[in-house]
Structures are given as structure tokens and as C-alpha cells.
Amino acid sequence: MIIVRLLVVVLLIVVAALGLAWLVTGNRLHLVRLGRVLRFAMVAALVGALLYVVERVVLR
């Protein structure tokens, strides 16, 4: 569980850094990277949730 919390903290730091970089530079490349990071985080969260559900069903 601690790993999940650390990954969430890292995700928040990366999102804040990319958002700040976009605000400072105005370069849209930072927004593209931000979108990719958020998309990856959503897919990883979905896969993790599905694995959790499968584990609960199998071990029941």
C-alpha cells in the first residue's frame, strides 16, 4: 500500500511540475506530456483495480 501512496505523490509532483512549466514557458509540449502522464496514470489505475477485483473473486 505504501508503494501506491508513493506513486500518487510522484504523480502529483509530475503533474504540478508540467503544469508550472507550461505556465512559465507557454510551450504546448508540456501540455502534451501532461496529457500522456495522466492517460498512463488512468490506465495503470484501471489495470490495478481490475487486478484487485480479479484477486478478490478468485480468492473467495
PDB file of N, CA and C in Angstrom:
ATOM      1  N   MET A   1       0.817  -1.194   0.000  1.00  0.00           N
ATOM      2  CA  MET A   1       0.000   0.000   0.000  1.00  0.00           C
ATOM      3  C   MET A   1       0.860   1.258   0.000  1.00  0.00           C
ATOM      4  N   ILE A   2       2.008   1.165   0.642  1.00  0.00           N
ATOM      5  CA  ILE A   2       2.892   2.330   0.690  1.00  0.00           C
ATOM      6  C   ILE A   2       3.393   2.682  -0.709  1.00  0.00           C
ATOM      7  N   ILE A   3       3.573   1.679  -1.558  1.00  0.00           N
ATOM      8  CA  ILE A   3       4.042   1.934  -2.919  1.00  0.00           C
ATOM      9  C   ILE A   3       2.994   2.717  -3.701  1.00  0.00           C
ATOM     10  N   VAL A   4       1.741   2.386  -3.516  1.00  0.00           N
ATOM     11  CA  VAL A   4       0.665   3.098  -4.212  1.00  0.00           C
ATOM     12  C   VAL A   4       0.635   4.556  -3.773  1.00  0.00           C
ATOM     13  N   ARG A   5       0.788   4.798  -2.480  1.00  0.00           N
ATOM     14  CA  ARG A   5       0.794   6.170  -1.976  1.00  0.00           C
ATOM     15  C   ARG A   5       1.983   6.950  -2.513  1.00  0.00           C
ATOM     16  N   LEU A   6       3.140   6.317  -2.577  1.00  0.00           N
ATOM     17  CA  LEU A   6       4.315   6.990  -3.126  1.00  0.00           C
ATOM     18  C   LEU A   6       4.138   7.306  -4.602  1.00  0.00           C
ATOM     19  N   LEU A   7       3.518   6.388  -5.345  1.00  0.00           N
ATOM     20  CA  LEU A   7       3.264   6.639  -6.763  1.00  0.00           C
ATOM     21  C   LEU A   7       2.283   7.792  -6.962  1.00  0.00           C
ATOM     22  N   VAL A   8       1.303   7.909  -6.097  1.00  0.00           N
ATOM     23  CA  VAL A   8       0.356   9.019  -6.186  1.00  0.00           C
ATOM     24  C   VAL A   8       1.071  10.344  -5.907  1.00  0.00           C
ATOM     25  N   VAL A   9       1.955  10.349  -4.925  1.00  0.00           N
ATOM     26  CA  VAL A   9       2.715  11.568  -4.625  1.00  0.00           C
ATOM     27  C   VAL A   9       3.598  11.943  -5.809  1.00  0.00           C
ATOM     28  N   VAL A  10       4.265  10.960  -6.398  1.00  0.00           N
ATOM     29  CA  VAL A  10       5.117  11.226  -7.564  1.00  0.00           C
ATOM     30  C   VAL A  10       4.274  11.751  -8.720  1.00  0.00           C
ATOM     31  N   LEU A  11       3.111  11.172  -8.922  1.00  0.00           N
ATOM     32  CA  LEU A  11       2.215  11.636  -9.988  1.00  0.00           C
ATOM     33  C   LEU A  11       1.812  13.092  -9.766  1.00  0.00           C
ATOM     34  N   LEU A  12       1.464  13.442  -8.548  1.00  0.00           N
ATOM     35  CA  LEU A  12       1.084  14.825  -8.248  1.00  0.00           C
ATOM     36  C   LEU A  12       2.240  15.786  -8.480  1.00  0.00           C
ATOM     37  N   ILE A  13       3.444  15.380  -8.115  1.00  0.00           N
ATOM     38  CA  ILE A  13       4.617  16.227  -8.335  1.00  0.00           C
ATOM     39  C   ILE A  13       4.859  16.433  -9.818  1.00  0.00           C
ATOM     40  N   VAL A  14       4.756  15.369 -10.603  1.00  0.00           N
ATOM     41  CA  VAL A  14       4.980  15.473 -12.051  1.00  0.00           C
ATOM     42  C   VAL A  14       3.919  16.350 -12.702  1.00  0.00           C
ATOM     43  N   VAL A  15       2.665  16.176 -12.303  1.00  0.00           N
ATOM     44  CA  VAL A  15       1.583  16.991 -12.867  1.00  0.00           C
ATOM     45  C   VAL A  15       1.800  18.461 -12.518  1.00  0.00           C
ATOM     46  N   ALA A  16       2.155  18.740 -11.281  1.00  0.00           N
ATOM     47  CA  ALA A  16       2.396  20.128 -10.876  1.00  0.00           C
ATOM     48  C   ALA A  16       3.594  20.716 -11.620  1.00  0.00           C
ATOM     49  N   ALA A  17       4.654  19.938 -11.785  1.00  0.00           N
ATOM     50  CA  ALA A  17       5.844  20.438 -12.480  1.00  0.00           C
ATOM     51  C   ALA A  17       5.544  20.721 -13.950  1.00  0.00           C
ATOM     52  N   LEU A  18       4.825  19.820 -14.603  1.00  0.00           N
ATOM     53  CA  LEU A  18       4.494  20.048 -16.010  1.00  0.00           C
ATOM     54  C   LEU A  18       3.531  21.223 -16.173  1.00  0.00           C
ATOM     55  N   GLY A  19       2.580  21.342 -15.269  1.00  0.00           N
ATOM     56  CA  GLY A  19       1.668  22.484 -15.322  1.00  0.00           C
ATOM     57  C   GLY A  19       2.396  23.798 -15.102  1.00  0.00           C
ATOM     58  N   LEU A  20       3.310  23.823 -14.157  1.00  0.00           N
ATOM     59  CA  LEU A  20       4.100  25.023 -13.903  1.00  0.00           C
ATOM     60  C   LEU A  20       5.024  25.334 -15.074  1.00  0.00           C
ATOM     61  N   ALA A  21       5.616  24.307 -15.658  1.00  0.00           N
ATOM     62  CA  ALA A  21       6.487  24.513 -16.819  1.00  0.00           C
ATOM     63  C   ALA A  21       5.696  25.107 -17.981  1.00  0.00           C
ATOM     64  N   TRP A  22       4.462  24.652 -18.161  1.00  0.00           N
ATOM     65  CA  TRP A  22       3.638  25.212 -19.228  1.00  0.00           C
ATOM     66  C   TRP A  22       3.280  26.667 -18.944  1.00  0.00           C
ATOM     67  N   LEU A  23       2.954  26.965 -17.689  1.00  0.00           N
ATOM     68  CA  LEU A  23       2.612  28.342 -17.341  1.00  0.00           C
ATOM     69  C   LEU A  23       3.797  29.291 -17.524  1.00  0.00           C
ATOM     70  N   VAL A  24       4.988  28.826 -17.205  1.00  0.00           N
ATOM     71  CA  VAL A  24       6.173  29.676 -17.304  1.00  0.00           C
ATOM     72  C   VAL A  24       6.597  29.866 -18.751  1.00  0.00           C
ATOM     73  N   THR A  25       6.630  28.777 -19.519  1.00  0.00           N
ATOM     74  CA  THR A  25       7.161  28.859 -20.882  1.00  0.00           C
ATOM     75  C   THR A  25       6.090  29.090 -21.935  1.00  0.00           C
ATOM     76  N   GLY A  26       4.879  28.624 -21.690  1.00  0.00           N
ATOM     77  CA  GLY A  26       3.830  28.725 -22.696  1.00  0.00           C
ATOM     78  C   GLY A  26       3.968  27.684 -23.799  1.00  0.00           C
ATOM     79  N   ASN A  27       4.886  26.754 -23.636  1.00  0.00           N
ATOM     80  CA  ASN A  27       5.135  25.712 -24.632  1.00  0.00           C
ATOM     81  C   ASN A  27       4.077  24.616 -24.492  1.00  0.00           C
ATOM     82  N   ARG A  28       3.360  24.346 -25.572  1.00  0.00           N
ATOM     83  CA  ARG A  28       2.287  23.350 -25.525  1.00  0.00           C
ATOM     84  C   ARG A  28       2.815  21.925 -25.415  1.00  0.00           C
ATOM     85  N   LEU A  29       4.100  21.724 -25.650  1.00  0.00           N
ATOM     86  CA  LEU A  29       4.692  20.391 -25.500  1.00  0.00           C
ATOM     87  C   LEU A  29       4.521  19.886 -24.067  1.00  0.00           C
ATOM     88  N   HIS A  30       4.569  20.800 -23.099  1.00  0.00           N
ATOM     89  CA  HIS A  30       4.375  20.399 -21.705  1.00  0.00           C
ATOM     90  C   HIS A  30       2.948  19.912 -21.468  1.00  0.00           C
ATOM     91  N   LEU A  31       1.983  20.510 -22.142  1.00  0.00           N
ATOM     92  CA  LEU A  31       0.597  20.044 -22.014  1.00  0.00           C
ATOM     93  C   LEU A  31       0.412  18.672 -22.641  1.00  0.00           C
ATOM     94  N   VAL A  32       1.108  18.425 -23.744  1.00  0.00           N
ATOM     95  CA  VAL A  32       1.040  17.111 -24.383  1.00  0.00           C
ATOM     96  C   VAL A  32       1.608  16.054 -23.447  1.00  0.00           C
ATOM     97  N   ARG A  33       2.744  16.355 -22.847  1.00  0.00           N
ATOM     98  CA  ARG A  33       3.342  15.412 -21.893  1.00  0.00           C
ATOM     99  C   ARG A  33       2.449  15.207 -20.683  1.00  0.00           C
ATOM    100  N   LEU A  34       1.826  16.276 -20.218  1.00  0.00           N
ATOM    101  CA  LEU A  34       0.906  16.178 -19.088  1.00  0.00           C
ATOM    102  C   LEU A  34      -0.263  15.257 -19.425  1.00  0.00           C
ATOM    103  N   GLY A  35      -0.793  15.396 -20.623  1.00  0.00           N
ATOM    104  CA  GLY A  35      -1.882  14.516 -21.058  1.00  0.00           C
ATOM    105  C   GLY A  35      -1.445  13.060 -21.112  1.00  0.00           C
ATOM    106  N   ARG A  36      -0.234  12.821 -21.607  1.00  0.00           N
ATOM    107  CA  ARG A  36       0.265  11.441 -21.668  1.00  0.00           C
ATOM    108  C   ARG A  36       0.457  10.857 -20.279  1.00  0.00           C
ATOM    109  N   VAL A  37       0.991  11.660 -19.363  1.00  0.00           N
ATOM    110  CA  VAL A  37       1.192  11.185 -17.987  1.00  0.00           C
ATOM    111  C   VAL A  37      -0.149  10.857 -17.343  1.00  0.00           C
ATOM    112  N   LEU A  38      -1.130  11.731 -17.509  1.00  0.00           N
ATOM    113  CA  LEU A  38      -2.441  11.481 -16.917  1.00  0.00           C
ATOM    114  C   LEU A  38      -3.131  10.272 -17.547  1.00  0.00           C
ATOM    115  N   ARG A  39      -2.982  10.116 -18.858  1.00  0.00           N
ATOM    116  CA  ARG A  39      -3.568   8.950 -19.534  1.00  0.00           C
ATOM    117  C   ARG A  39      -2.923   7.662 -19.019  1.00  0.00           C
ATOM    118  N   PHE A  40      -1.594   7.664 -18.885  1.00  0.00           N
ATOM    119  CA  PHE A  40      -0.900   6.490 -18.359  1.00  0.00           C
ATOM    120  C   PHE A  40      -1.345   6.188 -16.933  1.00  0.00           C
ATOM    121  N   ALA A  41      -1.511   7.226 -16.121  1.00  0.00           N
ATOM    122  CA  ALA A  41      -1.940   7.033 -14.733  1.00  0.00           C
ATOM    123  C   ALA A  41      -3.340   6.438 -14.674  1.00  0.00           C
ATOM    124  N   MET A  42      -4.222   6.889 -15.550  1.00  0.00           N
ATOM    125  CA  MET A  42      -5.581   6.353 -15.561  1.00  0.00           C
ATOM    126  C   MET A  42      -5.602   4.891 -15.995  1.00  0.00           C
ATOM    127  N   VAL A  43      -4.813   4.564 -17.008  1.00  0.00           N
ATOM    128  CA  VAL A  43      -4.751   3.169 -17.470  1.00  0.00           C
ATOM    129  C   VAL A  43      -4.151   2.281 -16.386  1.00  0.00           C
ATOM    130  N   ALA A  44      -3.090   2.760 -15.743  1.00  0.00           N
ATOM    131  CA  ALA A  44      -2.464   1.976 -14.670  1.00  0.00           C
ATOM    132  C   ALA A  44      -3.428   1.773 -13.501  1.00  0.00           C
ATOM    133  N   ALA A  45      -4.186   2.805 -13.164  1.00  0.00           N
ATOM    134  CA  ALA A  45      -5.165   2.688 -12.085  1.00  0.00           C
ATOM    135  C   ALA A  45      -6.275   1.703 -12.458  1.00  0.00           C
ATOM    136  N   LEU A  46      -6.717   1.737 -13.699  1.00  0.00           N
ATOM    137  CA  LEU A  46      -7.753   0.811 -14.156  1.00  0.00           C
ATOM    138  C   LEU A  46      -7.252  -0.628 -14.115  1.00  0.00           C
ATOM    139  N   VAL A  47      -6.041  -0.853 -14.592  1.00  0.00           N
ATOM    140  CA  VAL A  47      -5.464  -2.204 -14.566  1.00  0.00           C
ATOM    141  C   VAL A  47      -5.303  -2.678 -13.126  1.00  0.00           C
ATOM    142  N   GLY A  48      -4.831  -1.805 -12.252  1.00  0.00           N
ATOM    143  CA  GLY A  48      -4.686  -2.165 -10.842  1.00  0.00           C
ATOM    144  C   GLY A  48      -6.015  -2.508 -10.197  1.00  0.00           C
ATOM    145  N   ALA A  49      -7.041  -1.733 -10.501  1.00  0.00           N
ATOM    146  CA  ALA A  49      -8.365  -2.008  -9.948  1.00  0.00           C
ATOM    147  C   ALA A  49      -8.922  -3.329 -10.472  1.00  0.00           C
ATOM    148  N   LEU A  50      -8.713  -3.591 -11.760  1.00  0.00           N
ATOM    149  CA  LEU A  50      -9.177  -4.864 -12.325  1.00  0.00           C
ATOM    150  C   LEU A  50      -8.446  -6.047 -11.699  1.00  0.00           C
ATOM    151  N   LEU A  51      -7.142  -5.903 -11.498  1.00  0.00           N
ATOM    152  CA  LEU A  51      -6.392  -6.979 -10.848  1.00  0.00           C
ATOM    153  C   LEU A  51      -6.876  -7.201  -9.422  1.00  0.00           C
ATOM    154  N   TYR A  52      -7.196  -6.136  -8.719  1.00  0.00           N
ATOM    155  CA  TYR A  52      -7.711  -6.252  -7.360  1.00  0.00           C
ATOM    156  C   TYR A  52      -9.042  -7.001  -7.352  1.00  0.00           C
ATOM    157  N   VAL A  53      -9.923  -6.667  -8.282  1.00  0.00           N
ATOM    158  CA  VAL A  53     -11.229  -7.332  -8.350  1.00  0.00           C
ATOM    159  C   VAL A  53     -11.051  -8.807  -8.704  1.00  0.00           C
ATOM    160  N   VAL A  54     -10.197  -9.098  -9.666  1.00  0.00           N
ATOM    161  CA  VAL A  54      -9.957 -10.495 -10.056  1.00  0.00           C
ATOM    162  C   VAL A  54      -9.382 -11.277  -8.880  1.00  0.00           C
ATOM    163  N   GLU A  55      -8.461 -10.668  -8.147  1.00  0.00           N
ATOM    164  CA  GLU A  55      -7.883 -11.345  -6.990  1.00  0.00           C
ATOM    165  C   GLU A  55      -8.957 -11.657  -5.953  1.00  0.00           C
ATOM    166  N   ARG A  56      -9.835 -10.703  -5.706  1.00  0.00           N
ATOM    167  CA  ARG A  56     -10.902 -10.927  -4.725  1.00  0.00           C
ATOM    168  C   ARG A  56     -11.868 -12.016  -5.169  1.00  0.00           C
ATOM    169  N   VAL A  57     -12.170 -12.065  -6.454  1.00  0.00           N
ATOM    170  CA  VAL A  57     -13.102 -13.086  -6.956  1.00  0.00           C
ATOM    171  C   VAL A  57     -12.455 -14.462  -6.912  1.00  0.00           C
ATOM    172  N   VAL A  58     -11.181 -14.556  -7.292  1.00  0.00           N
ATOM    173  CA  VAL A  58     -10.501 -15.841  -7.340  1.00  0.00           C
ATOM    174  C   VAL A  58     -10.268 -16.379  -5.930  1.00  0.00           C
ATOM    175  N   LEU A  59      -9.912 -15.531  -4.993  1.00  0.00           N
ATOM    176  CA  LEU A  59      -9.599 -15.984  -3.640  1.00  0.00           C
ATOM    177  C   LEU A  59     -10.830 -16.177  -2.767  1.00  0.00           C
ATOM    178  N   ARG A  60     -11.970 -15.913  -3.273  1.00  0.00           N
ATOM    179  CA  ARG A  60     -13.193 -16.038  -2.491  1.00  0.00           C
ATOM    180  C   ARG A  60     -13.589 -17.432  -2.340  1.00  0.00           C
TER     181      ARG A  60
END
